[in-house]
Amino acid sequence: MKSNKLAHNIAFLALEKKGKDITLLNVSAIADFADYFVIVTGDSDIQIKAISDHIEKKLKEKQIKLYHKEGYQSLQWVLLDYVDVLVHIFRPATRALYAIERLWGDAKRKVITEKMYDSERVY
C-alpha cells in the first residue's frame, strides 16, 4: 500500500475511535526515514490504548506489518512505526510539549475531520 493511502487509512482508523486533532504531515521531501507522520490526540489512557489497538488490529487484518511500537506502557505518547508512516498518539499536554507540527513546520499538512470520513476514506 502506498504511504499516502496508508497514512489516510490510519487517520480514519483513529477517527473511528474518536481521536482528536488528527493531522497528516507529509515529510517525504524533508526526511529520509519516513513519508508521513499521522499525529493524533487522545484524552485518556483508555482512549489512547483503544486508538493504538484499533489501528494495529485493522492493519494487521490487511497484512500490514507493525515494525515497532513504543510508549504503550505509559500511554502518554504511543509511537507506531509502519516504516513509511509513523503514527504519534499523544495525550494533549504531551503533544503540546513536543510540538511535532512546529518542529516539522516545513512539512505539508492536512487536518483530518469527521466531515471527510465518508467522502475521503480510502480503505
PDB file of N, CA and C in Angstrom:
ATOM      1  N   MET A   1       0.845  -1.171   0.000  1.00  0.00           N
ATOM      2  CA  MET A   1       0.000   0.000   0.000  1.00  0.00           C
ATOM      3  C   MET A   1       0.897   1.242   0.000  1.00  0.00           C
ATOM      4  N   LYS A   2       0.583   2.191  -0.835  1.00  0.00           N
ATOM      5  CA  LYS A   2       1.366   3.419  -0.903  1.00  0.00           C
ATOM      6  C   LYS A   2       1.244   4.195   0.403  1.00  0.00           C
ATOM      7  N   SER A   3       2.295   4.925   0.730  1.00  0.00           N
ATOM      8  CA  SER A   3       2.334   5.617   2.015  1.00  0.00           C
ATOM      9  C   SER A   3       1.226   6.658   2.162  1.00  0.00           C
ATOM     10  N   ASN A   4       0.848   7.340   1.099  1.00  0.00           N
ATOM     11  CA  ASN A   4      -0.234   8.322   1.165  1.00  0.00           C
ATOM     12  C   ASN A   4      -1.544   7.643   1.560  1.00  0.00           C
ATOM     13  N   LYS A   5      -1.855   6.532   0.922  1.00  0.00           N
ATOM     14  CA  LYS A   5      -3.084   5.798   1.224  1.00  0.00           C
ATOM     15  C   LYS A   5      -3.029   5.228   2.645  1.00  0.00           C
ATOM     16  N   LEU A   6      -1.882   4.690   3.035  1.00  0.00           N
ATOM     17  CA  LEU A   6      -1.733   4.146   4.376  1.00  0.00           C
ATOM     18  C   LEU A   6      -1.926   5.232   5.431  1.00  0.00           C
ATOM     19  N   ALA A   7      -1.327   6.395   5.231  1.00  0.00           N
ATOM     20  CA  ALA A   7      -1.470   7.496   6.190  1.00  0.00           C
ATOM     21  C   ALA A   7      -2.932   7.899   6.339  1.00  0.00           C
ATOM     22  N   HIS A   8      -3.639   8.004   5.217  1.00  0.00           N
ATOM     23  CA  HIS A   8      -5.063   8.348   5.279  1.00  0.00           C
ATOM     24  C   HIS A   8      -5.872   7.249   5.974  1.00  0.00           C
ATOM     25  N   ASN A   9      -5.582   6.000   5.665  1.00  0.00           N
ATOM     26  CA  ASN A   9      -6.278   4.884   6.331  1.00  0.00           C
ATOM     27  C   ASN A   9      -6.086   4.968   7.843  1.00  0.00           C
ATOM     28  N   ILE A  10      -4.862   5.196   8.270  1.00  0.00           N
ATOM     29  CA  ILE A  10      -4.563   5.278   9.699  1.00  0.00           C
ATOM     30  C   ILE A  10      -5.313   6.450  10.331  1.00  0.00           C
ATOM     31  N   ALA A  11      -5.335   7.573   9.656  1.00  0.00           N
ATOM     32  CA  ALA A  11      -6.048   8.744  10.190  1.00  0.00           C
ATOM     33  C   ALA A  11      -7.528   8.438  10.394  1.00  0.00           C
ATOM     34  N   PHE A  12      -8.135   7.777   9.425  1.00  0.00           N
ATOM     35  CA  PHE A  12      -9.558   7.468   9.548  1.00  0.00           C
ATOM     36  C   PHE A  12      -9.813   6.372  10.586  1.00  0.00           C
ATOM     37  N   LEU A  13      -8.861   5.446  10.756  1.00  0.00           N
ATOM     38  CA  LEU A  13      -8.989   4.466  11.835  1.00  0.00           C
ATOM     39  C   LEU A  13      -8.941   5.160  13.198  1.00  0.00           C
ATOM     40  N   ALA A  14      -8.065   6.140  13.338  1.00  0.00           N
ATOM     41  CA  ALA A  14      -8.000   6.911  14.588  1.00  0.00           C
ATOM     42  C   ALA A  14      -9.296   7.677  14.812  1.00  0.00           C
ATOM     43  N   LEU A  15      -9.857   8.195  13.752  1.00  0.00           N
ATOM     44  CA  LEU A  15     -11.126   8.920  13.850  1.00  0.00           C
ATOM     45  C   LEU A  15     -12.250   7.999  14.321  1.00  0.00           C
ATOM     46  N   GLU A  16     -12.211   6.745  13.913  1.00  0.00           N
ATOM     47  CA  GLU A  16     -13.229   5.781  14.341  1.00  0.00           C
ATOM     48  C   GLU A  16     -13.236   5.591  15.854  1.00  0.00           C
ATOM     49  N   LYS A  17     -12.104   5.832  16.498  1.00  0.00           N
ATOM     50  CA  LYS A  17     -12.021   5.727  17.958  1.00  0.00           C
ATOM     51  C   LYS A  17     -11.999   7.108  18.608  1.00  0.00           C
ATOM     52  N   LYS A  18     -12.521   8.079  17.884  1.00  0.00           N
ATOM     53  CA  LYS A  18     -12.702   9.447  18.390  1.00  0.00           C
ATOM     54  C   LYS A  18     -11.402  10.166  18.695  1.00  0.00           C
ATOM     55  N   GLY A  19     -10.337   9.828  17.941  1.00  0.00           N
ATOM     56  CA  GLY A  19      -9.107  10.593  18.045  1.00  0.00           C
ATOM     57  C   GLY A  19      -9.383  12.043  17.673  1.00  0.00           C
ATOM     58  N   LYS A  20      -8.642  12.958  18.280  1.00  0.00           N
ATOM     59  CA  LYS A  20      -8.853  14.389  18.057  1.00  0.00           C
ATOM     60  C   LYS A  20      -7.647  15.015  17.373  1.00  0.00           C
ATOM     61  N   ASP A  21      -7.910  16.157  16.755  1.00  0.00           N
ATOM     62  CA  ASP A  21      -6.845  16.962  16.136  1.00  0.00           C
ATOM     63  C   ASP A  21      -5.924  16.098  15.271  1.00  0.00           C
ATOM     64  N   ILE A  22      -6.515  15.308  14.399  1.00  0.00           N
ATOM     65  CA  ILE A  22      -5.743  14.386  13.563  1.00  0.00           C
ATOM     66  C   ILE A  22      -5.112  15.168  12.418  1.00  0.00           C
ATOM     67  N   THR A  23      -3.805  15.075  12.337  1.00  0.00           N
ATOM     68  CA  THR A  23      -3.044  15.819  11.341  1.00  0.00           C
ATOM     69  C   THR A  23      -2.101  14.881  10.612  1.00  0.00           C
ATOM     70  N   LEU A  24      -2.071  15.004   9.290  1.00  0.00           N
ATOM     71  CA  LEU A  24      -1.089  14.291   8.480  1.00  0.00           C
ATOM     72  C   LEU A  24       0.012  15.273   8.114  1.00  0.00           C
ATOM     73  N   LEU A  25       1.245  14.890   8.335  1.00  0.00           N
ATOM     74  CA  LEU A  25       2.386  15.676   7.887  1.00  0.00           C
ATOM     75  C   LEU A  25       3.102  14.880   6.810  1.00  0.00           C
ATOM     76  N   ASN A  26       3.188  15.449   5.628  1.00  0.00           N
ATOM     77  CA  ASN A  26       3.937  14.824   4.544  1.00  0.00           C
ATOM     78  C   ASN A  26       5.380  15.279   4.677  1.00  0.00           C
ATOM     79  N   VAL A  27       6.225  14.403   5.205  1.00  0.00           N
ATOM     80  CA  VAL A  27       7.627  14.736   5.446  1.00  0.00           C
ATOM     81  C   VAL A  27       8.550  14.154   4.381  1.00  0.00           C
ATOM     82  N   SER A  28       7.980  13.622   3.311  1.00  0.00           N
ATOM     83  CA  SER A  28       8.783  12.918   2.302  1.00  0.00           C
ATOM     84  C   SER A  28       9.843  13.806   1.654  1.00  0.00           C
ATOM     85  N   ALA A  29       9.586  15.088   1.540  1.00  0.00           N
ATOM     86  CA  ALA A  29      10.546  15.986   0.905  1.00  0.00           C
ATOM     87  C   ALA A  29      11.638  16.462   1.863  1.00  0.00           C
ATOM     88  N   ILE A  30      11.447  16.258   3.168  1.00  0.00           N
ATOM     89  CA  ILE A  30      12.399  16.803   4.135  1.00  0.00           C
ATOM     90  C   ILE A  30      12.988  15.752   5.080  1.00  0.00           C
ATOM     91  N   ALA A  31      12.565  14.502   4.954  1.00  0.00           N
ATOM     92  CA  ALA A  31      13.087  13.422   5.802  1.00  0.00           C
ATOM     93  C   ALA A  31      13.353  12.204   4.931  1.00  0.00           C
ATOM     94  N   ASP A  32      14.370  11.439   5.298  1.00  0.00           N
ATOM     95  CA  ASP A  32      14.663  10.237   4.518  1.00  0.00           C
ATOM     96  C   ASP A  32      14.241   8.957   5.236  1.00  0.00           C
ATOM     97  N   PHE A  33      13.631   9.070   6.409  1.00  0.00           N
ATOM     98  CA  PHE A  33      13.254   7.887   7.176  1.00  0.00           C
ATOM     99  C   PHE A  33      11.758   7.593   7.150  1.00  0.00           C
ATOM    100  N   ALA A  34      10.961   8.506   6.638  1.00  0.00           N
ATOM    101  CA  ALA A  34       9.506   8.296   6.575  1.00  0.00           C
ATOM    102  C   ALA A  34       8.915   9.247   5.543  1.00  0.00           C
ATOM    103  N   ASP A  35       7.714   8.907   5.081  1.00  0.00           N
ATOM    104  CA  ASP A  35       6.988   9.779   4.162  1.00  0.00           C
ATOM    105  C   ASP A  35       5.932  10.606   4.883  1.00  0.00           C
ATOM    106  N   TYR A  36       5.297  10.007   5.896  1.00  0.00           N
ATOM    107  CA  TYR A  36       4.207  10.672   6.605  1.00  0.00           C
ATOM    108  C   TYR A  36       4.305  10.461   8.100  1.00  0.00           C
ATOM    109  N   PHE A  37       3.849  11.479   8.832  1.00  0.00           N
ATOM    110  CA  PHE A  37       3.535  11.361  10.243  1.00  0.00           C
ATOM    111  C   PHE A  37       2.022  11.495  10.348  1.00  0.00           C
ATOM    112  N   VAL A  38       1.404  10.656  11.138  1.00  0.00           N
ATOM    113  CA  VAL A  38       0.000  10.813  11.499  1.00  0.00           C
ATOM    114  C   VAL A  38       0.009  11.161  12.978  1.00  0.00           C
ATOM    115  N   ILE A  39      -0.513  12.334  13.307  1.00  0.00           N
ATOM    116  CA  ILE A  39      -0.482  12.816  14.679  1.00  0.00           C
ATOM    117  C   ILE A  39      -1.914  12.883  15.198  1.00  0.00           C
ATOM    118  N   VAL A  40      -2.134  12.276  16.357  1.00  0.00           N
ATOM    119  CA  VAL A  40      -3.474  12.126  16.923  1.00  0.00           C
ATOM    120  C   VAL A  40      -3.417  12.465  18.414  1.00  0.00           C
ATOM    121  N   THR A  41      -4.481  13.047  18.918  1.00  0.00           N
ATOM    122  CA  THR A  41      -4.608  13.284  20.353  1.00  0.00           C
ATOM    123  C   THR A  41      -5.705  12.397  20.917  1.00  0.00           C
ATOM    124  N   GLY A  42      -5.414  11.790  22.061  1.00  0.00           N
ATOM    125  CA  GLY A  42      -6.399  11.035  22.831  1.00  0.00           C
ATOM    126  C   GLY A  42      -6.494  11.631  24.219  1.00  0.00           C
ATOM    127  N   ASP A  43      -7.693  11.658  24.778  1.00  0.00           N
ATOM    128  CA  ASP A  43      -7.907  12.345  26.047  1.00  0.00           C
ATOM    129  C   ASP A  43      -7.619  11.514  27.286  1.00  0.00           C
ATOM    130  N   SER A  44      -7.483  10.207  27.143  1.00  0.00           N
ATOM    131  CA  SER A  44      -7.273   9.357  28.320  1.00  0.00           C
ATOM    132  C   SER A  44      -6.411   8.157  27.934  1.00  0.00           C
ATOM    133  N   ASP A  45      -5.919   7.483  28.961  1.00  0.00           N
ATOM    134  CA  ASP A  45      -5.150   6.258  28.718  1.00  0.00           C
ATOM    135  C   ASP A  45      -5.987   5.248  27.947  1.00  0.00           C
ATOM    136  N   ILE A  46      -7.240   5.110  28.342  1.00  0.00           N
ATOM    137  CA  ILE A  46      -8.125   4.145  27.689  1.00  0.00           C
ATOM    138  C   ILE A  46      -8.312   4.493  26.212  1.00  0.00           C
ATOM    139  N   GLN A  47      -8.495   5.769  25.917  1.00  0.00           N
ATOM    140  CA  GLN A  47      -8.692   6.156  24.523  1.00  0.00           C
ATOM    141  C   GLN A  47      -7.422   5.972  23.705  1.00  0.00           C
ATOM    142  N   ILE A  48      -6.294   6.338  24.253  1.00  0.00           N
ATOM    143  CA  ILE A  48      -5.030   6.157  23.526  1.00  0.00           C
ATOM    144  C   ILE A  48      -4.792   4.680  23.242  1.00  0.00           C
ATOM    145  N   LYS A  49      -5.060   3.849  24.218  1.00  0.00           N
ATOM    146  CA  LYS A  49      -4.920   2.404  24.025  1.00  0.00           C
ATOM    147  C   LYS A  49      -5.899   1.914  22.957  1.00  0.00           C
ATOM    148  N   ALA A  50      -7.133   2.391  23.003  1.00  0.00           N
ATOM    149  CA  ALA A  50      -8.143   1.983  22.020  1.00  0.00           C
ATOM    150  C   ALA A  50      -7.746   2.400  20.608  1.00  0.00           C
ATOM    151  N   ILE A  51      -7.248   3.613  20.447  1.00  0.00           N
ATOM    152  CA  ILE A  51      -6.814   4.088  19.129  1.00  0.00           C
ATOM    153  C   ILE A  51      -5.663   3.232  18.619  1.00  0.00           C
ATOM    154  N   SER A  52      -4.656   3.043  19.457  1.00  0.00           N
ATOM    155  CA  SER A  52      -3.487   2.252  19.083  1.00  0.00           C
ATOM    156  C   SER A  52      -3.866   0.819  18.722  1.00  0.00           C
ATOM    157  N   ASP A  53      -4.663   0.185  19.572  1.00  0.00           N
ATOM    158  CA  ASP A  53      -5.073  -1.201  19.339  1.00  0.00           C
ATOM    159  C   ASP A  53      -5.900  -1.322  18.057  1.00  0.00           C
ATOM    160  N   HIS A  54      -6.784  -0.369  17.818  1.00  0.00           N
ATOM    161  CA  HIS A  54      -7.649  -0.397  16.637  1.00  0.00           C
ATOM    162  C   HIS A  54      -6.826  -0.293  15.347  1.00  0.00           C
ATOM    163  N   ILE A  55      -5.891   0.645  15.332  1.00  0.00           N
ATOM    164  CA  ILE A  55      -5.032   0.811  14.155  1.00  0.00           C
ATOM    165  C   ILE A  55      -4.243  -0.472  13.911  1.00  0.00           C
ATOM    166  N   GLU A  56      -3.618  -0.972  14.961  1.00  0.00           N
ATOM    167  CA  GLU A  56      -2.794  -2.177  14.833  1.00  0.00           C
ATOM    168  C   GLU A  56      -3.623  -3.372  14.352  1.00  0.00           C
ATOM    169  N   LYS A  57      -4.793  -3.567  14.931  1.00  0.00           N
ATOM    170  CA  LYS A  57      -5.645  -4.706  14.572  1.00  0.00           C
ATOM    171  C   LYS A  57      -6.120  -4.620  13.116  1.00  0.00           C
ATOM    172  N   LYS A  58      -6.634  -3.465  12.729  1.00  0.00           N
ATOM    173  CA  LYS A  58      -7.190  -3.317  11.377  1.00  0.00           C
ATOM    174  C   LYS A  58      -6.109  -3.432  10.299  1.00  0.00           C
ATOM    175  N   LEU A  59      -4.935  -2.901  10.565  1.00  0.00           N
ATOM    176  CA  LEU A  59      -3.864  -3.013   9.573  1.00  0.00           C
ATOM    177  C   LEU A  59      -3.310  -4.433   9.518  1.00  0.00           C
ATOM    178  N   LYS A  60      -3.269  -5.101  10.647  1.00  0.00           N
ATOM    179  CA  LYS A  60      -2.829  -6.500  10.656  1.00  0.00           C
ATOM    180  C   LYS A  60      -3.771  -7.361   9.815  1.00  0.00           C
ATOM    181  N   GLU A  61      -5.075  -7.062   9.877  1.00  0.00           N
ATOM    182  CA  GLU A  61      -6.049  -7.778   9.049  1.00  0.00           C
ATOM    183  C   GLU A  61      -5.776  -7.596   7.560  1.00  0.00           C
ATOM    184  N   LYS A  62      -5.139  -6.490   7.206  1.00  0.00           N
ATOM    185  CA  LYS A  62      -4.782  -6.208   5.802  1.00  0.00           C
ATOM    186  C   LYS A  62      -3.344  -6.637   5.500  1.00  0.00           C
ATOM    187  N   GLN A  63      -2.739  -7.412   6.413  1.00  0.00           N
ATOM    188  CA  GLN A  63      -1.368  -7.888   6.300  1.00  0.00           C
ATOM    189  C   GLN A  63      -0.347  -6.743   6.219  1.00  0.00           C
ATOM    190  N   ILE A  64      -0.626  -5.662   6.924  1.00  0.00           N
ATOM    191  CA  ILE A  64       0.316  -4.547   7.008  1.00  0.00           C
ATOM    192  C   ILE A  64       1.018  -4.677   8.354  1.00  0.00           C
ATOM    193  N   LYS A  65       2.324  -4.866   8.289  1.00  0.00           N
ATOM    194  CA  LYS A  65       3.104  -5.204   9.474  1.00  0.00           C
ATOM    195  C   LYS A  65       3.504  -3.964  10.269  1.00  0.00           C
ATOM    196  N   LEU A  66       3.302  -4.046  11.573  1.00  0.00           N
ATOM    197  CA  LEU A  66       3.813  -3.049  12.505  1.00  0.00           C
ATOM    198  C   LEU A  66       5.260  -3.422  12.807  1.00  0.00           C
ATOM    199  N   TYR A  67       6.188  -2.512  12.529  1.00  0.00           N
ATOM    200  CA  TYR A  67       7.597  -2.826  12.730  1.00  0.00           C
ATOM    201  C   TYR A  67       8.084  -2.505  14.135  1.00  0.00           C
ATOM    202  N   HIS A  68       7.463  -1.524  14.769  1.00  0.00           N
ATOM    203  CA  HIS A  68       7.932  -1.149  16.098  1.00  0.00           C
ATOM    204  C   HIS A  68       6.839  -0.365  16.810  1.00  0.00           C
ATOM    205  N   LYS A  69       6.766  -0.534  18.123  1.00  0.00           N
ATOM    206  CA  LYS A  69       5.807   0.209  18.939  1.00  0.00           C
ATOM    207  C   LYS A  69       6.513   0.663  20.204  1.00  0.00           C
ATOM    208  N   GLU A  70       6.306   1.921  20.575  1.00  0.00           N
ATOM    209  CA  GLU A  70       6.889   2.475  21.798  1.00  0.00           C
ATOM    210  C   GLU A  70       5.840   3.245  22.571  1.00  0.00           C
ATOM    211  N   GLY A  71       6.032   3.344  23.865  1.00  0.00           N
ATOM    212  CA  GLY A  71       5.199   4.179  24.714  1.00  0.00           C
ATOM    213  C   GLY A  71       3.889   3.558  25.146  1.00  0.00           C
ATOM    214  N   TYR A  72       3.667   2.306  24.801  1.00  0.00           N
ATOM    215  CA  TYR A  72       2.389   1.662  25.099  1.00  0.00           C
ATOM    216  C   TYR A  72       2.200   1.440  26.606  1.00  0.00           C
ATOM    217  N   GLN A  73       3.296   1.379  27.351  1.00  0.00           N
ATOM    218  CA  GLN A  73       3.182   1.159  28.797  1.00  0.00           C
ATOM    219  C   GLN A  73       2.740   2.425  29.522  1.00  0.00           C
ATOM    220  N   SER A  74       3.250   3.578  29.092  1.00  0.00           N
ATOM    221  CA  SER A  74       2.919   4.817  29.804  1.00  0.00           C
ATOM    222  C   SER A  74       1.710   5.539  29.209  1.00  0.00           C
ATOM    223  N   LEU A  75       1.431   5.308  27.933  1.00  0.00           N
ATOM    224  CA  LEU A  75       0.275   5.869  27.229  1.00  0.00           C
ATOM    225  C   LEU A  75       0.232   7.400  27.256  1.00  0.00           C
ATOM    226  N   GLN A  76       1.397   8.025  27.253  1.00  0.00           N
ATOM    227  CA  GLN A  76       1.485   9.478  27.108  1.00  0.00           C
ATOM    228  C   GLN A  76       1.775   9.851  25.649  1.00  0.00           C
ATOM    229  N   TRP A  77       2.579   8.993  24.998  1.00  0.00           N
ATOM    230  CA  TRP A  77       2.941   9.188  23.597  1.00  0.00           C
ATOM    231  C   TRP A  77       3.223   7.794  23.041  1.00  0.00           C
ATOM    232  N   VAL A  78       2.294   7.279  22.278  1.00  0.00           N
ATOM    233  CA  VAL A  78       2.473   5.974  21.652  1.00  0.00           C
ATOM    234  C   VAL A  78       2.944   6.199  20.220  1.00  0.00           C
ATOM    235  N   LEU A  79       4.011   5.525  19.863  1.00  0.00           N
ATOM    236  CA  LEU A  79       4.550   5.587  18.508  1.00  0.00           C
ATOM    237  C   LEU A  79       4.336   4.232  17.846  1.00  0.00           C
ATOM    238  N   LEU A  80       3.678   4.241  16.700  1.00  0.00           N
ATOM    239  CA  LEU A  80       3.517   3.044  15.878  1.00  0.00           C
ATOM    240  C   LEU A  80       4.315   3.266  14.604  1.00  0.00           C
ATOM    241  N   ASP A  81       5.248   2.384  14.322  1.00  0.00           N
ATOM    242  CA  ASP A  81       6.149   2.532  13.182  1.00  0.00           C
ATOM    243  C   ASP A  81       5.744   1.571  12.070  1.00  0.00           C
ATOM    244  N   TYR A  82       5.218   2.134  11.007  1.00  0.00           N
ATOM    245  CA  TYR A  82       4.884   1.370   9.808  1.00  0.00           C
ATOM    246  C   TYR A  82       5.858   1.717   8.681  1.00  0.00           C
ATOM    247  N   VAL A  83       7.092   1.985   9.027  1.00  0.00           N
ATOM    248  CA  VAL A  83       8.224   2.312   8.166  1.00  0.00           C
ATOM    249  C   VAL A  83       7.998   3.635   7.439  1.00  0.00           C
ATOM    250  N   ASP A  84       7.181   3.665   6.415  1.00  0.00           N
ATOM    251  CA  ASP A  84       6.966   4.910   5.667  1.00  0.00           C
ATOM    252  C   ASP A  84       5.989   5.843   6.360  1.00  0.00           C
ATOM    253  N   VAL A  85       5.256   5.322   7.328  1.00  0.00           N
ATOM    254  CA  VAL A  85       4.284   6.119   8.079  1.00  0.00           C
ATOM    255  C   VAL A  85       4.516   5.896   9.571  1.00  0.00           C
ATOM    256  N   LEU A  86       4.753   6.995  10.276  1.00  0.00           N
ATOM    257  CA  LEU A  86       4.920   6.953  11.726  1.00  0.00           C
ATOM    258  C   LEU A  86       3.687   7.573  12.368  1.00  0.00           C
ATOM    259  N   VAL A  87       3.089   6.836  13.287  1.00  0.00           N
ATOM    260  CA  VAL A  87       1.873   7.280  13.957  1.00  0.00           C
ATOM    261  C   VAL A  87       2.243   7.730  15.364  1.00  0.00           C
ATOM    262  N   HIS A  88       1.862   8.950  15.713  1.00  0.00           N
ATOM    263  CA  HIS A  88       2.113   9.513  17.030  1.00  0.00           C
ATOM    264  C   HIS A  88       0.764   9.756  17.694  1.00  0.00           C
ATOM    265  N   ILE A  89       0.492   9.057  18.787  1.00  0.00           N
ATOM    266  CA  ILE A  89      -0.763   9.225  19.519  1.00  0.00           C
ATOM    267  C   ILE A  89      -0.397   9.818  20.879  1.00  0.00           C
ATOM    268  N   PHE A  90      -0.855  11.046  21.116  1.00  0.00           N
ATOM    269  CA  PHE A  90      -0.450  11.822  22.275  1.00  0.00           C
ATOM    270  C   PHE A  90      -1.578  12.096  23.248  1.00  0.00           C
ATOM    271  N   ARG A  91      -1.226  12.280  24.513  1.00  0.00           N
ATOM    272  CA  ARG A  91      -2.073  12.993  25.463  1.00  0.00           C
ATOM    273  C   ARG A  91      -1.934  14.473  25.114  1.00  0.00           C
ATOM    274  N   PRO A  92      -2.945  15.299  25.388  1.00  0.00           N
ATOM    275  CA  PRO A  92      -2.884  16.718  24.989  1.00  0.00           C
ATOM    276  C   PRO A  92      -1.645  17.464  25.495  1.00  0.00           C
ATOM    277  N   ALA A  93      -1.297  17.299  26.766  1.00  0.00           N
ATOM    278  CA  ALA A  93      -0.148  18.027  27.310  1.00  0.00           C
ATOM    279  C   ALA A  93       1.165  17.567  26.679  1.00  0.00           C
ATOM    280  N   THR A  94       1.269  16.287  26.403  1.00  0.00           N
ATOM    281  CA  THR A  94       2.489  15.751  25.788  1.00  0.00           C
ATOM    282  C   THR A  94       2.618  16.245  24.354  1.00  0.00           C
ATOM    283  N   ARG A  95       1.505  16.291  23.637  1.00  0.00           N
ATOM    284  CA  ARG A  95       1.530  16.810  22.269  1.00  0.00           C
ATOM    285  C   ARG A  95       1.960  18.269  22.260  1.00  0.00           C
ATOM    286  N   ALA A  96       1.445  19.050  23.182  1.00  0.00           N
ATOM    287  CA  ALA A  96       1.814  20.462  23.266  1.00  0.00           C
ATOM    288  C   ALA A  96       3.296  20.622  23.620  1.00  0.00           C
ATOM    289  N   LEU A  97       3.791  19.783  24.515  1.00  0.00           N
ATOM    290  CA  LEU A  97       5.186  19.856  24.945  1.00  0.00           C
ATOM    291  C   LEU A  97       6.150  19.583  23.786  1.00  0.00           C
ATOM    292  N   TYR A  98       5.901  18.537  23.018  1.00  0.00           N
ATOM    293  CA  TYR A  98       6.829  18.146  21.962  1.00  0.00           C
ATOM    294  C   TYR A  98       6.580  18.867  20.643  1.00  0.00           C
ATOM    295  N   ALA A  99       5.397  19.364  20.422  1.00  0.00           N
ATOM    296  CA  ALA A  99       5.061  20.232  19.283  1.00  0.00           C
ATOM    297  C   ALA A  99       5.658  19.742  17.958  1.00  0.00           C
ATOM    298  N   ILE A 100       5.356  18.514  17.611  1.00  0.00           N
ATOM    299  CA  ILE A 100       5.910  17.926  16.385  1.00  0.00           C
ATOM    300  C   ILE A 100       5.539  18.741  15.152  1.00  0.00           C
ATOM    301  N   GLU A 101       4.317  19.254  15.109  1.00  0.00           N
ATOM    302  CA  GLU A 101       3.912  20.052  13.949  1.00  0.00           C
ATOM    303  C   GLU A 101       4.807  21.276  13.781  1.00  0.00           C
ATOM    304  N   ARG A 102       5.223  21.873  14.887  1.00  0.00           N
ATOM    305  CA  ARG A 102       6.108  23.037  14.807  1.00  0.00           C
ATOM    306  C   ARG A 102       7.518  22.614  14.413  1.00  0.00           C
ATOM    307  N   LEU A 103       7.995  21.496  14.982  1.00  0.00           N
ATOM    308  CA  LEU A 103       9.338  21.015  14.643  1.00  0.00           C
ATOM    309  C   LEU A 103       9.469  20.670  13.161  1.00  0.00           C
ATOM    310  N   TRP A 104       8.380  20.147  12.600  1.00  0.00           N
ATOM    311  CA  TRP A 104       8.355  19.770  11.193  1.00  0.00           C
ATOM    312  C   TRP A 104       7.508  20.785  10.411  1.00  0.00           C
ATOM    313  N   GLY A 105       7.727  22.045  10.691  1.00  0.00           N
ATOM    314  CA  GLY A 105       6.932  23.127  10.120  1.00  0.00           C
ATOM    315  C   GLY A 105       7.001  23.239   8.610  1.00  0.00           C
ATOM    316  N   ASP A 106       8.046  22.707   7.995  1.00  0.00           N
ATOM    317  CA  ASP A 106       8.175  22.765   6.534  1.00  0.00           C
ATOM    318  C   ASP A 106       7.382  21.662   5.829  1.00  0.00           C
ATOM    319  N   ALA A 107       6.850  20.730   6.592  1.00  0.00           N
ATOM    320  CA  ALA A 107       6.096  19.616   6.002  1.00  0.00           C
ATOM    321  C   ALA A 107       4.720  20.095   5.543  1.00  0.00           C
ATOM    322  N   LYS A 108       4.246  19.487   4.466  1.00  0.00           N
ATOM    323  CA  LYS A 108       2.875  19.750   4.033  1.00  0.00           C
ATOM    324  C   LYS A 108       1.936  19.144   5.063  1.00  0.00           C
ATOM    325  N   ARG A 109       0.880  19.857   5.386  1.00  0.00           N
ATOM    326  CA  ARG A 109      -0.012  19.476   6.478  1.00  0.00           C
ATOM    327  C   ARG A 109      -1.436  19.322   5.970  1.00  0.00           C
ATOM    328  N   LYS A 110      -2.118  18.300   6.500  1.00  0.00           N
ATOM    329  CA  LYS A 110      -3.535  18.092   6.196  1.00  0.00           C
ATOM    330  C   LYS A 110      -4.238  17.691   7.483  1.00  0.00           C
ATOM    331  N   VAL A 111      -5.266  18.434   7.831  1.00  0.00           N
ATOM    332  CA  VAL A 111      -6.065  18.126   9.007  1.00  0.00           C
ATOM    333  C   VAL A 111      -7.216  17.226   8.573  1.00  0.00           C
ATOM    334  N   ILE A 112      -7.412  16.140   9.311  1.00  0.00           N
ATOM    335  CA  ILE A 112      -8.476  15.182   9.009  1.00  0.00           C
ATOM    336  C   ILE A 112      -9.652  15.458   9.943  1.00  0.00           C
ATOM    337  N   THR A 113     -10.828  15.613   9.352  1.00  0.00           N
ATOM    338  CA  THR A 113     -12.032  15.892  10.144  1.00  0.00           C
ATOM    339  C   THR A 113     -13.078  14.810   9.892  1.00  0.00           C
ATOM    340  N   GLU A 114     -14.083  14.776  10.771  1.00  0.00           N
ATOM    341  CA  GLU A 114     -15.172  13.807  10.607  1.00  0.00           C
ATOM    342  C   GLU A 114     -15.924  14.023   9.305  1.00  0.00           C
ATOM    343  N   LYS A 115     -16.011  15.253   8.851  1.00  0.00           N
ATOM    344  CA  LYS A 115     -16.713  15.549   7.599  1.00  0.00           C
ATOM    345  C   LYS A 115     -16.055  14.845   6.418  1.00  0.00           C
ATOM    346  N   MET A 116     -14.772  14.558   6.520  1.00  0.00           N
ATOM    347  CA  MET A 116     -14.030  13.910   5.444  1.00  0.00           C
ATOM    348  C   MET A 116     -14.191  12.397   5.464  1.00  0.00           C
ATOM    349  N   TYR A 117     -14.667  11.850   6.571  1.00  0.00           N
ATOM    350  CA  TYR A 117     -14.667  10.409   6.790  1.00  0.00           C
ATOM    351  C   TYR A 117     -15.326   9.635   5.652  1.00  0.00           C
ATOM    352  N   ASP A 118     -16.546   9.969   5.304  1.00  0.00           N
ATOM    353  CA  ASP A 118     -17.241   9.214   4.261  1.00  0.00           C
ATOM    354  C   ASP A 118     -16.767   9.561   2.859  1.00  0.00           C
ATOM    355  N   SER A 119     -16.383  10.805   2.636  1.00  0.00           N
ATOM    356  CA  SER A 119     -16.021  11.210   1.282  1.00  0.00           C
ATOM    357  C   SER A 119     -14.580  10.860   0.905  1.00  0.00           C
ATOM    358  N   GLU A 120     -13.681  10.788   1.882  1.00  0.00           N
ATOM    359  CA  GLU A 120     -12.266  10.569   1.557  1.00  0.00           C
ATOM    360  C   GLU A 120     -11.707   9.263   2.091  1.00  0.00           C
ATOM    361  N   ARG A 121     -12.488   8.511   2.823  1.00  0.00           N
ATOM    362  CA  ARG A 121     -11.985   7.251   3.374  1.00  0.00           C
ATOM    363  C   ARG A 121     -11.579   6.352   2.211  1.00  0.00           C
ATOM    364  N   VAL A 122     -10.397   5.755   2.296  1.00  0.00           N
ATOM    365  CA  VAL A 122      -9.850   5.030   1.156  1.00  0.00           C
ATOM    366  C   VAL A 122      -9.704   3.532   1.378  1.00  0.00           C
ATOM    367  N   TYR A 123     -10.043   3.014   2.516  1.00  0.00           N
ATOM    368  CA  TYR A 123      -9.907   1.566   2.718  1.00  0.00           C
ATOM    369  C   TYR A 123     -11.232   0.869   2.566  1.00  0.00           C
TER     370      TYR A 123
END
